[in-house]
Amino acid sequence: MRDGGYGVSFFLAARAIRRGNRWTLALTILVIALVVVLMNFMTMIVGGVVQVYNQQMIDYQYSHLTIEPREKELFITGSDDLIDRLKRVPGVTGVSPRISVGTTITNPRNGKFQSKSLTAFDPGDEKTVTRYHQALLEGDFLSPGDTDQILIGSLLAGDTDETKDKVPSLGGARVGDLLEVTYSNGVVKAYRVKGIFETDGVLIDSAAFVTREEMDAVMQTGGRATEILVRGGDIGDAGQLKTACMQFGVQEPIKTWSEKGKGILGDAIGSFNLLTSIMTVVCLIVASVIVFIITFINIVNRRKQVAVLKAIGVQRRIVIGSYLLQTVFLCAAGAVAGVLLLAGIALGLSANPIRFPMGFISPVPDIGGIVVSVTCLFLVSLVSGYIPAWYVAKEEILIAMRG
């Protein structure tokens, strides 16, 4: 636009907004705001799920780093020397060697049994890398020297009412009960349930643990480990910590918590992202249709006014520009209202988290995603506003004057 064209378009747009129906304006802004919310709400929930899942992996499954046996080997041999080396790595705050063997755990009280991988650790070392000791539902955590005690998850313990169990269980084992463990070498031992933990993780709460001292006595596993968990200072430092361990001569495979968990999480997040993409496309279509209809009705009702403007010399592009500015105003107001609604929802759900199977979820806003969604909304709205404005503005003056 030249010679004050922008000013004229702005004047015409402001005049049309001021004289338009306020209820229609408010409802249009509200609809656009809801479109912004719908395009970003699922992403916020997915962000909360990812955050909780990541924290569970670190706190209970893999810590920051997991060191595994070399290729084609079942155990990490000479683990004591490796542990001493790991403890000297800068940034390492805890190291816990674990060993897992296949067992069958039976509840003699009701005859129910489950085939489980029984994991052994040193309770003192384990406290430095995981938080099982902080997730006890009842009873106590294992202590060094415990040789007839077992720690089990709430899902493995289960309920006496099978319909309440999420996974196969021992049918309501409780603290103080005796469980029989049949090892792969044929040894059968009775263990008293010392504690039951609950983390809301299905795989985590189906686990069982004994002390390393007990496992070494039964399975002769001294000096060996099936994995070594390493904890650092911060979740974001796992990659640097992995590099530091390799520089200290650790030759066994080292995986960060994200590398260990990306398979299961990746599939779930992929499904969520597909649903989010579908919802976003639908929302953009809805927004474009609404803007098109409102602009079209607005212009059709003012065809004679447009014809008069053209008759007195107002150029067509100025008329089109005025309606595009109205569209920009509606989108801007709707986007601001939508972002405010999202912020309110995030605050409300942070104070009252949603209960998911893996725990309580608080939404995590994705600022980049919000910016992209609002940008897309502006683009489709401008196109939807331009089409009817161009159609009416190109009409001959006499035809438009007839209505």
Protein backbone atom coordinates (compact mmCIF):
# COMPACT_ATOMS: atom_id res chain seq x y z
CA MET A 1 0.00 0.00 0.00
CA ARG A 2 1.20 3.55 -0.79
CA ASP A 3 0.18 7.06 0.18
CA GLY A 4 -1.28 6.27 3.55
CA GLY A 5 -2.91 3.02 2.42
CA TYR A 6 -2.02 1.35 5.70
CA GLY A 7 -3.61 4.19 7.66
CA VAL A 8 -6.84 4.00 5.68
CA SER A 9 -6.99 0.22 6.06
CA PHE A 10 -6.40 0.56 9.77
CA PHE A 11 -9.10 3.25 10.07
CA LEU A 12 -11.63 1.14 8.21
CA ALA A 13 -10.78 -1.98 10.26
CA ALA A 14 -11.01 -0.14 13.60
CA ARG A 15 -14.31 1.45 12.59
CA ALA A 16 -15.76 -1.91 11.57
CA ILE A 17 -14.70 -3.55 14.85
CA ARG A 18 -16.12 -0.71 16.97
CA ARG A 19 -19.47 -0.72 15.16
CA GLY A 20 -19.76 -4.49 14.88
CA ASN A 21 -21.81 -6.75 17.14
CA ARG A 22 -19.91 -7.11 20.41
CA TRP A 23 -21.35 -10.51 21.22
CA THR A 24 -20.26 -11.87 17.86
CA LEU A 25 -16.81 -10.41 18.41
CA ALA A 26 -16.52 -11.91 21.89
CA LEU A 27 -17.72 -15.34 20.77
CA THR A 28 -15.30 -15.35 17.84
CA ILE A 29 -12.39 -14.50 20.12
CA LEU A 30 -13.52 -17.20 22.54
CA VAL A 31 -13.67 -19.83 19.79
CA ILE A 32 -10.17 -18.93 18.59
CA ALA A 33 -8.94 -19.07 22.19
CA LEU A 34 -10.40 -22.56 22.60
CA VAL A 35 -8.71 -23.59 19.35
CA VAL A 36 -5.37 -22.49 20.80
CA VAL A 37 -6.09 -24.46 23.98
CA LEU A 38 -7.07 -27.62 22.10
CA MET A 39 -3.98 -27.45 19.88
CA ASN A 40 -1.67 -27.33 22.90
CA PHE A 41 -3.43 -29.14 25.74
CA MET A 42 -2.48 -32.66 24.64
CA THR A 43 1.14 -31.57 24.17
CA MET A 44 1.18 -30.24 27.73
CA ILE A 45 -0.16 -33.54 29.08
CA VAL A 46 2.35 -35.54 27.04
CA GLY A 47 5.11 -33.34 28.46
CA GLY A 48 3.91 -34.16 31.97
CA VAL A 49 3.80 -37.89 31.19
CA VAL A 50 7.34 -37.77 29.79
CA GLN A 51 8.59 -35.86 32.82
CA VAL A 52 7.12 -38.37 35.28
CA TYR A 53 8.27 -41.37 33.26
CA ASN A 54 11.80 -39.99 32.95
CA GLN A 55 11.99 -39.34 36.69
CA GLN A 56 10.77 -42.85 37.45
CA MET A 57 13.40 -44.35 35.18
CA ILE A 58 16.14 -42.40 36.92
CA ASP A 59 14.90 -42.87 40.48
CA TYR A 60 14.01 -46.57 40.31
CA GLN A 61 15.25 -48.34 37.19
CA TYR A 62 18.41 -47.03 35.56
CA SER A 63 19.68 -44.09 37.62
CA HIS A 64 21.69 -41.71 35.38
CA LEU A 65 23.90 -44.41 33.87
CA THR A 66 23.66 -48.19 33.56
CA ILE A 67 26.78 -50.24 32.88
CA GLU A 68 26.05 -53.60 31.27
CA PRO A 69 28.05 -56.78 30.55
CA ARG A 70 30.12 -56.89 27.40
CA GLU A 71 28.69 -58.48 24.27
CA LYS A 72 28.00 -62.22 24.58
CA GLU A 73 28.71 -62.13 28.34
CA LEU A 74 26.09 -62.64 31.05
CA PHE A 75 27.91 -60.89 33.88
CA ILE A 76 30.29 -58.04 34.53
CA THR A 77 33.28 -59.86 36.00
CA GLY A 78 35.76 -58.14 38.29
CA SER A 79 33.06 -55.67 39.25
CA ASP A 80 34.85 -54.62 42.45
CA ASP A 81 37.74 -53.00 40.52
CA LEU A 82 35.28 -51.37 38.14
CA ILE A 83 33.28 -49.95 41.03
CA ASP A 84 36.41 -48.45 42.61
CA ARG A 85 37.23 -46.81 39.27
CA LEU A 86 33.72 -45.44 38.88
CA LYS A 87 33.73 -43.89 42.33
CA ARG A 88 36.77 -41.83 41.33
CA VAL A 89 35.05 -40.33 38.28
CA PRO A 90 34.29 -36.61 38.82
CA GLY A 91 30.55 -36.02 39.14
CA VAL A 92 29.65 -39.53 40.32
CA THR A 93 27.65 -39.40 43.54
CA GLY A 94 26.68 -43.07 43.86
CA VAL A 95 27.46 -46.52 42.47
CA SER A 96 25.44 -49.68 43.06
CA PRO A 97 26.26 -53.10 41.54
CA ARG A 98 23.25 -55.34 41.02
CA ILE A 99 22.81 -58.96 40.09
CA SER A 100 19.55 -60.47 38.82
CA VAL A 101 18.62 -64.14 38.48
CA GLY A 102 15.49 -65.95 37.40
CA THR A 103 13.36 -67.26 40.27
CA THR A 104 9.88 -68.42 41.13
CA ILE A 105 8.31 -66.60 44.08
CA THR A 106 5.47 -68.43 45.83
CA ASN A 107 3.03 -67.29 48.49
CA PRO A 108 2.46 -70.45 50.60
CA ARG A 109 -0.63 -68.94 52.21
CA ASN A 110 -2.67 -69.16 48.98
CA GLY A 111 -0.40 -71.12 46.66
CA LYS A 112 -0.05 -68.31 44.14
CA PHE A 113 3.32 -67.91 42.45
CA GLN A 114 5.06 -65.68 39.95
CA SER A 115 8.18 -66.22 37.86
CA LYS A 116 10.28 -63.15 38.47
CA SER A 117 13.79 -61.84 38.04
CA LEU A 118 15.01 -61.40 41.62
CA THR A 119 17.52 -58.57 41.98
CA ALA A 120 20.14 -58.24 44.69
CA PHE A 121 21.94 -55.10 45.81
CA ASP A 122 23.82 -53.68 48.76
CA PRO A 123 21.24 -51.55 50.63
CA GLY A 124 23.78 -48.85 51.49
CA ASP A 125 24.95 -48.50 47.88
CA GLU A 126 21.41 -48.65 46.52
CA LYS A 127 20.32 -45.64 48.56
CA THR A 128 22.88 -43.52 46.69
CA VAL A 129 21.48 -44.31 43.23
CA THR A 130 17.72 -45.04 43.60
CA ARG A 131 14.89 -44.01 45.91
CA TYR A 132 13.20 -47.26 46.82
CA HIS A 133 13.89 -46.46 50.47
CA GLN A 134 11.71 -43.35 50.07
CA ALA A 135 8.83 -45.15 48.35
CA LEU A 136 7.86 -47.63 51.07
CA LEU A 137 4.13 -48.28 51.30
CA GLU A 138 4.58 -50.35 54.47
CA GLY A 139 7.38 -52.03 56.38
CA ASP A 140 11.08 -51.17 56.17
CA PHE A 141 13.85 -51.06 53.61
CA LEU A 142 16.46 -53.82 53.47
CA SER A 143 19.46 -53.47 55.78
CA PRO A 144 23.04 -54.70 55.31
CA GLY A 145 23.26 -58.26 56.64
CA ASP A 146 19.62 -59.19 55.96
CA THR A 147 19.72 -62.80 54.74
CA ASP A 148 16.14 -63.90 55.27
CA GLN A 149 14.27 -60.75 54.22
CA ILE A 150 12.77 -59.69 50.89
CA LEU A 151 11.54 -56.36 49.54
CA ILE A 152 8.67 -56.49 47.02
CA GLY A 153 6.61 -54.07 44.97
CA SER A 154 2.96 -53.36 45.64
CA LEU A 155 1.83 -54.86 42.31
CA LEU A 156 3.74 -58.08 42.97
CA ALA A 157 2.24 -58.23 46.48
CA GLY A 158 -1.20 -57.75 44.96
CA ASP A 159 -4.60 -57.94 46.59
CA THR A 160 -6.65 -60.78 47.98
CA ASP A 161 -9.34 -59.72 45.50
CA GLU A 162 -7.94 -60.64 42.07
CA THR A 163 -10.22 -58.17 40.30
CA LYS A 164 -8.26 -55.30 41.90
CA ASP A 165 -4.89 -56.47 40.58
CA LYS A 166 -3.45 -54.65 37.56
CA VAL A 167 -0.97 -57.48 36.86
CA PRO A 168 -0.61 -61.10 38.06
CA SER A 169 0.39 -61.04 41.73
CA LEU A 170 0.96 -63.10 44.86
CA GLY A 171 -2.61 -62.56 45.98
CA GLY A 172 -2.24 -60.15 48.85
CA ALA A 173 1.22 -60.67 50.38
CA ARG A 174 1.84 -58.35 53.31
CA VAL A 175 4.71 -57.33 55.54
CA GLY A 176 5.62 -60.22 57.83
CA ASP A 177 4.39 -62.92 55.44
CA LEU A 178 6.75 -65.70 54.41
CA LEU A 179 7.43 -66.19 50.71
CA GLU A 180 9.24 -69.14 49.14
CA VAL A 181 11.83 -68.36 46.47
CA THR A 182 12.99 -71.11 44.12
CA TYR A 183 16.30 -70.21 42.49
CA SER A 184 17.49 -71.39 39.09
CA ASN A 185 20.04 -73.69 40.75
CA GLY A 186 17.28 -75.54 42.60
CA VAL A 187 17.72 -73.91 46.01
CA VAL A 188 14.45 -73.10 47.77
CA LYS A 189 14.47 -70.53 50.59
CA ALA A 190 11.82 -68.83 52.69
CA TYR A 191 11.96 -65.06 53.09
CA ARG A 192 10.02 -62.74 55.33
CA VAL A 193 8.52 -59.73 53.57
CA LYS A 194 10.32 -56.81 55.20
CA GLY A 195 8.84 -54.01 53.13
CA ILE A 196 6.50 -53.21 50.25
CA PHE A 197 7.22 -50.23 48.01
CA GLU A 198 4.96 -48.34 45.60
CA THR A 199 6.12 -46.01 42.83
CA ASP A 200 3.11 -46.15 40.44
CA GLY A 201 5.35 -47.70 37.78
CA VAL A 202 3.93 -51.01 36.54
CA LEU A 203 7.29 -52.63 35.79
CA ILE A 204 8.91 -51.13 38.86
CA ASP A 205 6.22 -52.18 41.34
CA SER A 206 6.35 -55.76 40.06
CA ALA A 207 9.97 -56.21 41.18
CA ALA A 208 11.51 -58.01 44.17
CA PHE A 209 14.85 -57.51 45.93
CA VAL A 210 17.15 -59.24 48.40
CA THR A 211 20.54 -58.22 49.71
CA ARG A 212 23.71 -58.90 47.79
CA GLU A 213 25.04 -60.91 50.72
CA GLU A 214 22.09 -63.31 50.46
CA MET A 215 22.37 -63.69 46.67
CA ASP A 216 26.10 -64.37 46.84
CA ALA A 217 25.53 -67.08 49.44
CA VAL A 218 22.84 -68.85 47.40
CA MET A 219 24.09 -68.38 43.83
CA GLN A 220 27.85 -67.93 44.38
CA THR A 221 27.83 -64.62 42.52
CA GLY A 222 30.61 -62.85 44.43
CA GLY A 223 32.57 -60.39 42.30
CA ARG A 224 29.99 -60.41 39.49
CA ALA A 225 27.14 -58.13 38.48
CA THR A 226 24.50 -58.05 35.77
CA GLU A 227 24.41 -54.26 35.86
CA ILE A 228 25.97 -51.35 37.71
CA LEU A 229 23.93 -48.21 38.31
CA VAL A 230 25.73 -44.88 38.45
CA ARG A 231 24.19 -41.62 39.65
CA GLY A 232 25.44 -38.13 38.95
CA GLY A 233 24.45 -34.68 40.04
CA ASP A 234 21.80 -33.68 37.49
CA ILE A 235 19.50 -35.27 34.96
CA GLY A 236 20.99 -33.24 32.13
CA ASP A 237 24.57 -34.30 32.89
CA ALA A 238 24.12 -37.99 31.99
CA GLY A 239 25.84 -37.62 28.63
CA GLN A 240 28.85 -35.83 30.11
CA LEU A 241 29.01 -38.36 32.92
CA LYS A 242 29.05 -41.19 30.39
CA THR A 243 31.97 -39.56 28.56
CA ALA A 244 33.85 -39.08 31.83
CA CYS A 245 33.42 -42.77 32.72
CA MET A 246 34.75 -43.81 29.33
CA GLN A 247 37.74 -41.52 29.79
CA PHE A 248 38.47 -43.30 33.08
CA GLY A 249 38.89 -46.56 31.21
CA VAL A 250 35.45 -48.15 31.56
CA GLN A 251 35.25 -50.52 28.60
CA GLU A 252 31.88 -52.12 29.37
CA PRO A 253 28.83 -50.76 27.49
CA ILE A 254 27.47 -47.62 29.16
CA LYS A 255 23.92 -46.40 28.54
CA THR A 256 22.26 -43.26 29.82
CA TRP A 257 18.77 -43.39 31.29
CA SER A 258 17.34 -41.93 28.07
CA GLU A 259 19.06 -44.57 25.93
CA LYS A 260 17.72 -47.35 28.15
CA GLY A 261 14.15 -46.10 28.17
CA LYS A 262 13.66 -44.57 24.75
CA GLY A 263 12.22 -47.75 23.18
CA ILE A 264 9.09 -48.07 25.33
CA LEU A 265 8.70 -44.34 25.79
CA GLY A 266 9.31 -43.64 22.11
CA ASP A 267 6.38 -45.84 21.04
CA ALA A 268 4.04 -44.24 23.55
CA ILE A 269 5.10 -40.68 22.70
CA GLY A 270 4.80 -41.46 19.00
CA SER A 271 1.15 -42.43 19.51
CA PHE A 272 0.48 -39.31 21.58
CA ASN A 273 2.15 -37.11 18.96
CA LEU A 274 0.01 -38.64 16.21
CA LEU A 275 -3.15 -37.82 18.16
CA THR A 276 -1.83 -34.31 18.82
CA SER A 277 -1.11 -33.76 15.11
CA ILE A 278 -4.60 -34.92 14.14
CA MET A 279 -6.17 -32.65 16.75
CA THR A 280 -4.06 -29.70 15.58
CA VAL A 281 -5.09 -30.15 11.95
CA VAL A 282 -8.76 -30.41 12.92
CA CYS A 283 -8.49 -27.28 15.09
CA LEU A 284 -6.82 -25.31 12.30
CA ILE A 285 -9.58 -26.35 9.88
CA VAL A 286 -12.23 -25.29 12.39
CA ALA A 287 -10.51 -21.94 12.95
CA SER A 288 -10.13 -21.27 9.22
CA VAL A 289 -13.77 -22.11 8.54
CA ILE A 290 -14.96 -19.84 11.35
CA VAL A 291 -12.81 -16.93 10.17
CA PHE A 292 -13.95 -17.48 6.58
CA ILE A 293 -17.65 -17.53 7.51
CA ILE A 294 -17.43 -14.49 9.77
CA THR A 295 -15.44 -12.50 7.20
CA PHE A 296 -17.71 -13.54 4.36
CA ILE A 297 -20.91 -12.63 6.21
CA ASN A 298 -19.36 -9.36 7.32
CA ILE A 299 -18.34 -8.42 3.80
CA VAL A 300 -21.59 -9.56 2.15
CA ASN A 301 -23.57 -7.39 4.56
CA ARG A 302 -21.38 -4.43 3.59
CA ARG A 303 -21.18 -4.91 -0.17
CA LYS A 304 -22.80 -1.54 -0.82
CA GLN A 305 -20.42 0.14 1.61
CA VAL A 306 -17.48 -1.48 -0.20
CA ALA A 307 -18.90 -0.29 -3.53
CA VAL A 308 -19.20 3.30 -2.21
CA LEU A 309 -15.59 3.19 -0.99
CA LYS A 310 -14.41 2.02 -4.39
CA ALA A 311 -16.58 4.70 -6.09
CA ILE A 312 -14.89 7.52 -4.16
CA GLY A 313 -11.47 6.21 -5.14
CA VAL A 314 -10.46 3.83 -2.33
CA GLN A 315 -8.31 1.17 -3.91
CA ARG A 316 -9.25 -2.49 -3.76
CA ARG A 317 -6.12 -3.48 -1.88
CA ILE A 318 -7.00 -1.01 0.89
CA VAL A 319 -10.41 -2.63 1.30
CA ILE A 320 -8.84 -6.09 1.39
CA GLY A 321 -6.22 -4.82 3.85
CA SER A 322 -8.91 -3.55 6.23
CA TYR A 323 -10.50 -6.98 6.44
CA LEU A 324 -7.13 -8.68 6.87
CA LEU A 325 -6.41 -6.32 9.75
CA GLN A 326 -9.72 -7.33 11.33
CA THR A 327 -8.67 -10.96 10.97
CA VAL A 328 -5.30 -10.20 12.58
CA PHE A 329 -7.08 -8.49 15.47
CA LEU A 330 -9.38 -11.48 16.04
CA CYS A 331 -6.46 -13.92 15.93
CA ALA A 332 -4.29 -11.80 18.22
CA ALA A 333 -7.06 -11.37 20.78
CA GLY A 334 -7.96 -15.06 20.56
CA ALA A 335 -4.31 -16.13 20.87
CA VAL A 336 -3.78 -13.97 23.96
CA ALA A 337 -6.97 -15.30 25.52
CA GLY A 338 -5.95 -18.88 24.61
CA VAL A 339 -2.50 -18.52 26.15
CA LEU A 340 -4.07 -17.11 29.31
CA LEU A 341 -6.49 -20.06 29.42
CA LEU A 342 -3.59 -22.48 28.97
CA ALA A 343 -1.70 -20.80 31.79
CA GLY A 344 -4.76 -21.05 34.03
CA ILE A 345 -5.24 -24.72 33.17
CA ALA A 346 -1.55 -25.43 33.83
CA LEU A 347 -1.68 -23.72 37.22
CA GLY A 348 -4.90 -25.49 38.16
CA LEU A 349 -3.66 -28.94 37.19
CA SER A 350 -0.29 -28.32 38.85
CA ALA A 351 -2.14 -27.70 42.10
CA ASN A 352 -4.43 -30.69 41.45
CA PRO A 353 -2.46 -33.19 39.29
CA ILE A 354 -4.24 -35.74 37.12
CA ARG A 355 -3.93 -39.36 38.30
CA PHE A 356 -2.47 -41.53 35.52
CA PRO A 357 -1.45 -45.20 35.79
CA MET A 358 2.19 -44.13 36.20
CA GLY A 359 1.47 -41.48 38.82
CA PHE A 360 0.19 -37.94 39.21
CA ILE A 361 0.71 -35.86 36.08
CA SER A 362 1.12 -32.08 35.98
CA PRO A 363 1.04 -30.44 32.53
CA VAL A 364 4.32 -29.11 31.15
CA PRO A 365 3.79 -26.13 28.77
CA ASP A 366 5.75 -26.30 25.52
CA ILE A 367 6.55 -22.68 24.67
CA GLY A 368 7.93 -23.58 21.25
CA GLY A 369 4.84 -25.61 20.42
CA ILE A 370 2.55 -22.75 21.46
CA VAL A 371 4.44 -20.30 19.24
CA VAL A 372 4.21 -22.68 16.27
CA SER A 373 0.50 -23.33 16.78
CA VAL A 374 -0.30 -19.62 17.06
CA THR A 375 1.77 -18.90 13.93
CA CYS A 376 -0.11 -21.59 12.00
CA LEU A 377 -3.39 -20.17 13.27
CA PHE A 378 -2.48 -16.71 11.96
CA LEU A 379 -1.49 -18.09 8.56
CA VAL A 380 -4.65 -20.13 7.95
CA SER A 381 -6.81 -17.30 9.29
CA LEU A 382 -5.22 -14.75 6.96
CA VAL A 383 -5.84 -17.02 4.00
CA SER A 384 -9.44 -17.61 5.13
CA GLY A 385 -9.97 -13.88 5.58
CA TYR A 386 -8.34 -12.92 2.29
CA ILE A 387 -10.46 -15.13 0.04
CA PRO A 388 -13.90 -13.58 0.77
CA ALA A 389 -12.40 -10.08 0.97
CA TRP A 390 -10.78 -10.48 -2.45
CA TYR A 391 -13.97 -11.97 -3.92
CA VAL A 392 -16.17 -9.03 -2.90
CA ALA A 393 -13.56 -6.33 -3.50
CA LYS A 394 -13.11 -7.35 -7.14
CA GLU A 395 -16.82 -6.99 -7.92
CA GLU A 396 -17.92 -4.26 -10.27
CA ILE A 397 -19.23 -1.19 -8.45
CA LEU A 398 -22.67 -1.22 -10.06
CA ILE A 399 -23.22 -4.92 -9.38
CA ALA A 400 -22.20 -4.47 -5.72
CA MET A 401 -24.51 -1.43 -5.38
CA ARG A 402 -27.47 -3.51 -6.43
CA GLY A 403 -26.68 -5.89 -3.51
